[in-house]
Amino acid sequence: MDRQLAETVAREINDCKSLFLSEIQELDRNSLRVVVAEGLPAGPPKSIEVGGVTIPDCTPIEVIDQSHVFEVFWRVYVGYTVLNESYASVDEEELGEGVRFRIYSKSRFIDFMSRATFASDEYPGPTRHYCLACEDQIVHVLSVDAPAIKRLR
């Protein structure tokens, strides 16, 4: 896939205000396919009640026919994890770029994978930490290769 096109689609993922994990699938041996869909306002605003308090003008965010859908594919990965977004924490010492599609140069996931595996710059080569920050799940992937990214819809 054209690197410039992949970067453009990665920017489109980052531009999504909401993102939902649609599929995660291991293909072949140690390859990973992740499909995410853009969340958009669905229906007219309405009031909702939470804890006895009425909140006006709330619009549900859902995957609808107009939502963009993206595929992110790693040919080979070192490791990955899926976190329940409710339990994910922010670490101010982590260094990364992006909002919904993040690329980290320093993170707790990189630290964990360096202790949990024997992956190194020598074998299989320099790795990068990629992250898809969705509304309900956070997907972390450590890989030598950048993923192929394309818009499915």
Protein backbone atom coordinates (compact mmCIF):
# COMPACT_ATOMS: atom_id res chain seq x y z
CA MET A 1 0.00 0.00 0.00
CA ASP A 2 1.14 3.52 -0.77
CA ARG A 3 2.67 5.02 2.40
CA GLN A 4 1.25 8.47 1.67
CA LEU A 5 -2.26 7.03 1.28
CA ALA A 6 -1.88 5.12 4.58
CA GLU A 7 -0.82 8.36 6.32
CA THR A 8 -3.84 10.16 4.85
CA VAL A 9 -6.21 7.46 6.10
CA ALA A 10 -4.49 7.50 9.52
CA ARG A 11 -5.24 11.25 9.67
CA GLU A 12 -8.88 10.48 8.79
CA ILE A 13 -9.02 8.06 11.74
CA ASN A 14 -7.54 10.75 13.99
CA ASP A 15 -10.16 13.22 12.78
CA CYS A 16 -13.01 10.98 14.01
CA LYS A 17 -14.63 12.42 17.12
CA SER A 18 -15.76 8.91 18.11
CA LEU A 19 -14.44 5.51 17.08
CA PHE A 20 -15.82 2.04 17.74
CA LEU A 21 -14.05 -1.31 17.46
CA SER A 22 -15.99 -3.43 14.94
CA GLU A 23 -13.70 -6.43 14.44
CA ILE A 24 -10.42 -7.81 15.65
CA GLN A 25 -9.13 -10.90 13.94
CA GLU A 26 -5.93 -12.88 13.75
CA LEU A 27 -5.18 -13.93 10.19
CA ASP A 28 -2.57 -16.44 9.11
CA ARG A 29 0.24 -16.69 11.64
CA ASN A 30 0.75 -13.66 13.88
CA SER A 31 -0.97 -11.14 11.64
CA LEU A 32 -3.70 -8.88 12.97
CA ARG A 33 -6.67 -7.21 11.31
CA VAL A 34 -8.57 -4.50 13.18
CA VAL A 35 -11.68 -2.81 11.79
CA VAL A 36 -12.90 0.41 13.40
CA ALA A 37 -15.92 2.55 12.55
CA GLU A 38 -16.59 6.22 13.07
CA GLY A 39 -19.32 7.10 15.56
CA LEU A 40 -21.70 9.81 14.39
CA PRO A 41 -24.78 11.49 15.89
CA ALA A 42 -27.78 9.22 15.38
CA GLY A 43 -31.22 10.77 15.53
CA PRO A 44 -32.57 13.97 16.99
CA PRO A 45 -31.43 15.33 20.36
CA LYS A 46 -33.49 14.35 23.38
CA SER A 47 -33.32 14.76 27.14
CA ILE A 48 -32.03 11.93 29.31
CA GLU A 49 -32.17 11.43 33.06
CA VAL A 50 -29.05 10.41 34.95
CA GLY A 51 -29.04 10.12 38.74
CA GLY A 52 -32.23 12.13 39.03
CA VAL A 53 -30.87 14.99 36.89
CA THR A 54 -32.29 15.78 33.47
CA ILE A 55 -29.71 16.53 30.79
CA PRO A 56 -31.23 18.23 27.73
CA ASP A 57 -30.23 17.93 24.07
CA CYS A 58 -28.36 14.61 24.15
CA THR A 59 -27.75 12.82 20.88
CA PRO A 60 -26.69 9.17 20.81
CA ILE A 61 -23.40 8.45 19.02
CA GLU A 62 -23.54 5.28 16.94
CA VAL A 63 -22.14 3.65 13.82
CA ILE A 64 -24.56 4.61 11.04
CA ASP A 65 -24.64 4.24 7.24
CA GLN A 66 -22.68 7.50 6.81
CA SER A 67 -19.89 6.39 9.18
CA HIS A 68 -16.41 5.85 7.77
CA VAL A 69 -15.07 2.34 8.35
CA PHE A 70 -11.33 1.65 8.43
CA GLU A 71 -9.17 -1.46 8.30
CA VAL A 72 -5.78 -1.53 10.04
CA PHE A 73 -3.68 -4.60 9.20
CA TRP A 74 -0.37 -5.71 10.67
CA ARG A 75 1.37 -8.40 8.61
CA VAL A 76 3.32 -9.47 11.70
CA TYR A 77 3.03 -8.29 15.29
CA VAL A 78 5.17 -8.87 18.38
CA GLY A 79 2.21 -8.55 20.73
CA TYR A 80 -1.11 -6.85 21.22
CA THR A 81 -3.67 -6.26 23.92
CA VAL A 82 -7.23 -5.01 24.10
CA LEU A 83 -8.19 -3.00 27.18
CA ASN A 84 -11.61 -2.10 28.47
CA GLU A 85 -11.54 1.67 27.98
CA SER A 86 -13.10 2.18 31.43
CA TYR A 87 -9.90 0.88 33.05
CA ALA A 88 -7.32 2.59 30.85
CA SER A 89 -5.19 5.20 32.58
CA VAL A 90 -3.24 8.15 31.26
CA ASP A 91 0.48 8.41 31.97
CA GLU A 92 1.91 11.90 31.45
CA GLU A 93 5.36 10.39 30.81
CA GLU A 94 4.21 8.53 27.69
CA LEU A 95 5.20 10.14 24.39
CA GLY A 96 3.03 9.70 21.33
CA GLU A 97 1.32 11.39 18.44
CA GLY A 98 -2.28 11.14 17.32
CA VAL A 99 -5.68 11.06 18.95
CA ARG A 100 -7.62 7.99 17.79
CA PHE A 101 -4.69 6.37 15.94
CA ARG A 102 -1.64 6.90 18.11
CA ILE A 103 2.01 6.06 17.56
CA TYR A 104 4.08 6.04 20.74
CA SER A 105 7.83 6.45 21.10
CA LYS A 106 7.64 5.91 24.88
CA SER A 107 4.88 4.04 26.73
CA ARG A 108 4.12 1.59 29.49
CA PHE A 109 3.15 -0.94 26.81
CA ILE A 110 6.63 -0.69 25.24
CA ASP A 111 8.14 -1.15 28.72
CA PHE A 112 5.91 -4.16 29.41
CA MET A 113 6.67 -5.81 26.08
CA SER A 114 10.42 -5.32 26.58
CA ARG A 115 10.15 -7.26 29.85
CA ALA A 116 7.63 -9.87 28.63
CA THR A 117 9.43 -10.76 25.36
CA PHE A 118 12.94 -11.05 24.00
CA ALA A 119 12.09 -8.79 21.05
CA SER A 120 14.86 -6.25 20.47
CA ASP A 121 16.29 -3.91 17.86
CA GLU A 122 18.46 -6.82 16.71
CA TYR A 123 15.59 -9.32 16.44
CA PRO A 124 13.06 -8.88 14.98
CA GLY A 125 14.19 -5.26 14.56
CA PRO A 126 13.12 -1.85 15.89
CA THR A 127 9.48 -1.92 16.99
CA ARG A 128 6.79 0.72 17.30
CA HIS A 129 3.78 0.95 19.57
CA TYR A 130 0.52 1.63 17.72
CA CYS A 131 -2.76 2.33 19.49
CA LEU A 132 -6.37 2.57 18.37
CA ALA A 133 -8.32 4.52 20.99
CA CYS A 134 -11.95 3.50 20.66
CA GLU A 135 -14.96 4.39 22.80
CA ASP A 136 -15.16 1.06 24.63
CA GLN A 137 -11.80 -0.57 23.95
CA ILE A 138 -8.19 0.50 23.57
CA VAL A 139 -6.12 -1.68 21.19
CA HIS A 140 -2.33 -1.63 21.68
CA VAL A 141 -0.05 -3.29 19.10
CA LEU A 142 3.73 -3.65 19.07
CA SER A 143 5.11 -4.35 15.61
CA VAL A 144 8.23 -4.01 13.51
CA ASP A 145 6.23 -3.01 10.43
CA ALA A 146 3.83 -0.12 10.06
CA PRO A 147 0.29 -1.31 9.46
CA ALA A 148 -1.48 -1.17 6.13
CA ILE A 149 -4.40 1.19 6.61
CA LYS A 150 -7.34 1.68 4.31
CA ARG A 151 -10.83 3.08 4.34
CA LEU A 152 -13.44 0.39 3.68
CA ARG A 153 -16.36 2.83 3.59
